[in-house]
C-alpha atoms as a PDB file:
ATOM      1  CA  UNK A   1      79.862  77.649 166.286  1.00  0.00           C
ATOM      2  CA  UNK A   2      82.494  75.591 168.026  1.00  0.00           C
ATOM      3  CA  UNK A   3      81.198  73.228 170.703  1.00  0.00           C
ATOM      4  CA  UNK A   4      83.079  75.061 173.480  1.00  0.00           C
ATOM      5  CA  UNK A   5      81.589  78.395 172.431  1.00  0.00           C
ATOM      6  CA  UNK A   6      78.110  76.832 172.271  1.00  0.00           C
ATOM      7  CA  UNK A   7      78.487  75.357 175.764  1.00  0.00           C
ATOM      8  CA  UNK A   8      79.670  78.701 177.162  1.00  0.00           C
ATOM      9  CA  UNK A   9      76.736  80.477 175.499  1.00  0.00           C
ATOM     10  CA  UNK A  10      74.267  77.959 176.944  1.00  0.00           C
ATOM     11  CA  UNK A  11      75.885  78.184 180.400  1.00  0.00           C
ATOM     12  CA  UNK A  12      75.692  81.984 180.223  1.00  0.00           C
ATOM     13  CA  UNK A  13      71.929  81.748 179.607  1.00  0.00           C
ATOM     14  CA  UNK A  14      71.503  79.606 182.712  1.00  0.00           C
ATOM     15  CA  UNK A  15      73.730  81.989 184.672  1.00  0.00           C
ATOM     16  CA  UNK A  16      71.438  84.939 183.821  1.00  0.00           C
ATOM     17  CA  UNK A  17      68.477  82.990 185.152  1.00  0.00           C
ATOM     18  CA  UNK A  18      70.279  81.811 188.312  1.00  0.00           C
ATOM     19  CA  UNK A  19      71.280  85.397 189.127  1.00  0.00           C
ATOM     20  CA  UNK A  20      67.735  86.649 188.527  1.00  0.00           C
ATOM     21  CA  UNK A  21      66.279  84.005 190.831  1.00  0.00           C
ATOM     22  CA  UNK A  22      68.904  84.709 193.515  1.00  0.00           C
ATOM     23  CA  UNK A  23      68.039  88.423 193.405  1.00  0.00           C
ATOM     24  CA  UNK A  24      64.257  88.205 192.984  1.00  0.00           C
ATOM     25  CA  UNK A  25      63.070  84.764 194.120  1.00  0.00           C
ATOM     26  CA  UNK A  26      65.446  83.573 196.848  1.00  0.00           C
ATOM     27  CA  UNK A  27      62.782  81.230 198.246  1.00  0.00           C
ATOM     28  CA  UNK A  28      62.797  79.112 195.077  1.00  0.00           C
ATOM     29  CA  UNK A  29      64.950  75.989 195.122  1.00  0.00           C
ATOM     30  CA  UNK A  30      67.084  75.090 192.115  1.00  0.00           C
ATOM     31  CA  UNK A  31      65.974  71.595 191.069  1.00  0.00           C
ATOM     32  CA  UNK A  32      67.819  70.996 187.860  1.00  0.00           C
ATOM     33  CA  UNK A  33      70.194  72.638 185.434  1.00  0.00           C
ATOM     34  CA  UNK A  34      71.487  71.288 182.152  1.00  0.00           C
ATOM     35  CA  UNK A  35      73.657  72.263 179.234  1.00  0.00           C
ATOM     36  CA  UNK A  36      74.103  69.915 176.297  1.00  0.00           C
ATOM     37  CA  UNK A  37      75.456  71.510 173.139  1.00  0.00           C
ATOM     38  CA  UNK A  38      73.132  74.336 172.192  1.00  0.00           C
ATOM     39  CA  UNK A  39      70.409  73.039 174.521  1.00  0.00           C
ATOM     40  CA  UNK A  40      70.112  74.613 177.929  1.00  0.00           C
ATOM     41  CA  UNK A  41      67.597  74.606 180.733  1.00  0.00           C
ATOM     42  CA  UNK A  42      66.972  75.287 184.360  1.00  0.00           C
ATOM     43  CA  UNK A  43      64.166  74.340 186.741  1.00  0.00           C
ATOM     44  CA  UNK A  44      63.116  75.891 190.059  1.00  0.00           C
ATOM     45  CA  UNK A  45      60.512  74.939 192.633  1.00  0.00           C
ATOM     46  CA  UNK A  46      58.663  76.523 195.523  1.00  0.00           C
ATOM     47  CA  UNK A  47      55.911  74.548 197.240  1.00  0.00           C
ATOM     48  CA  UNK A  48      53.608  73.235 194.460  1.00  0.00           C
ATOM     49  CA  UNK A  49      54.924  75.686 191.847  1.00  0.00           C
ATOM     50  CA  UNK A  50      57.630  74.723 189.326  1.00  0.00           C
ATOM     51  CA  UNK A  51      59.268  77.103 186.869  1.00  0.00           C
ATOM     52  CA  UNK A  52      60.799  75.259 183.937  1.00  0.00           C
ATOM     53  CA  UNK A  53      62.899  77.216 181.418  1.00  0.00           C
ATOM     54  CA  UNK A  54      64.252  75.428 178.345  1.00  0.00           C
ATOM     55  CA  UNK A  55      65.916  76.583 175.206  1.00  0.00           C
ATOM     56  CA  UNK A  56      68.379  76.441 172.391  1.00  0.00           C
ATOM     57  CA  UNK A  57      68.304  79.204 169.754  1.00  0.00           C
ATOM     58  CA  UNK A  58      64.848  80.047 171.141  1.00  0.00           C
ATOM     59  CA  UNK A  59      63.449  79.436 174.616  1.00  0.00           C
ATOM     60  CA  UNK A  60      60.274  79.321 176.671  1.00  0.00           C
ATOM     61  CA  UNK A  61      59.160  79.490 180.271  1.00  0.00           C
ATOM     62  CA  UNK A  62      56.681  76.928 181.545  1.00  0.00           C
ATOM     63  CA  UNK A  63      54.899  77.342 184.874  1.00  0.00           C
ATOM     64  CA  UNK A  64      53.646  74.151 186.499  1.00  0.00           C
ATOM     65  CA  UNK A  65      51.010  74.670 189.178  1.00  0.00           C
ATOM     66  CA  UNK A  66      49.791  71.591 191.052  1.00  0.00           C
ATOM     67  CA  UNK A  67      51.193  69.441 188.247  1.00  0.00           C
ATOM     68  CA  UNK A  68      49.398  71.342 185.471  1.00  0.00           C
ATOM     69  CA  UNK A  69      51.649  73.087 182.898  1.00  0.00           C
ATOM     70  CA  UNK A  70      51.006  76.631 181.667  1.00  0.00           C
ATOM     71  CA  UNK A  71      53.173  78.469 179.152  1.00  0.00           C
ATOM     72  CA  UNK A  72      54.098  82.015 180.155  1.00  0.00           C
ATOM     73  CA  UNK A  73      52.844  83.392 176.823  1.00  0.00           C
ATOM     74  CA  UNK A  74      49.284  82.495 177.904  1.00  0.00           C
ATOM     75  CA  UNK A  75      49.663  85.056 180.711  1.00  0.00           C
ATOM     76  CA  UNK A  76      51.197  87.794 178.565  1.00  0.00           C
ATOM     77  CA  UNK A  77      51.420  87.667 174.768  1.00  0.00           C
ATOM     78  CA  UNK A  78      54.433  90.066 174.866  1.00  0.00           C
ATOM     79  CA  UNK A  79      56.479  86.944 175.577  1.00  0.00           C
ATOM     80  CA  UNK A  80      56.140  86.127 171.867  1.00  0.00           C
ATOM     81  CA  UNK A  81      58.322  89.173 171.069  1.00  0.00           C
ATOM     82  CA  UNK A  82      61.139  87.788 173.256  1.00  0.00           C
ATOM     83  CA  UNK A  83      61.645  84.164 172.240  1.00  0.00           C
ATOM     84  CA  UNK A  84      65.158  84.256 170.780  1.00  0.00           C
ATOM     85  CA  UNK A  85      67.789  83.173 173.316  1.00  0.00           C
ATOM     86  CA  UNK A  86      69.765  86.271 174.208  1.00  0.00           C
ATOM     87  CA  UNK A  87      70.328  88.177 177.474  1.00  0.00           C
ATOM     88  CA  UNK A  88      67.801  90.915 176.689  1.00  0.00           C
ATOM     89  CA  UNK A  89      64.999  88.478 175.855  1.00  0.00           C
ATOM     90  CA  UNK A  90      65.743  86.220 178.813  1.00  0.00           C
ATOM     91  CA  UNK A  91      65.590  89.236 181.125  1.00  0.00           C
ATOM     92  CA  UNK A  92      62.367  90.458 179.477  1.00  0.00           C
ATOM     93  CA  UNK A  93      60.647  87.097 179.949  1.00  0.00           C
ATOM     94  CA  UNK A  94      61.892  86.868 183.537  1.00  0.00           C
ATOM     95  CA  UNK A  95      60.347  90.303 184.215  1.00  0.00           C
ATOM     96  CA  UNK A  96      57.021  89.023 182.843  1.00  0.00           C
ATOM     97  CA  UNK A  97      57.386  85.925 185.022  1.00  0.00           C
ATOM     98  CA  UNK A  98      58.011  88.203 187.995  1.00  0.00           C
ATOM     99  CA  UNK A  99      54.752  90.051 187.282  1.00  0.00           C
ATOM    100  CA  UNK A 100      52.953  86.730 187.075  1.00  0.00           C
ATOM    101  CA  UNK A 101      54.364  85.509 190.385  1.00  0.00           C
ATOM    102  CA  UNK A 102      53.393  88.687 192.221  1.00  0.00           C
END
């Protein structure tokens, strides 16, 4: 994959997450966003809760509560069926995150 195409793909992944947070979690503050080659990531915060999403060809969502990290798959094992970085899997994991946060 050309580097420009990889960067666009990684930026698109972050864009999906930004849009989801804008629509579903407007009270969360965007802390950090990065794209470096195939690596992408985005981090949000609300009070003592941090949502950290990182990926490349695969990705994961980490929830940090009072400084203690928890992987989303510990809450719902269905996450393991949605680990490849693509729009459908990102949306599926964000829906599971939404259930967790409610």
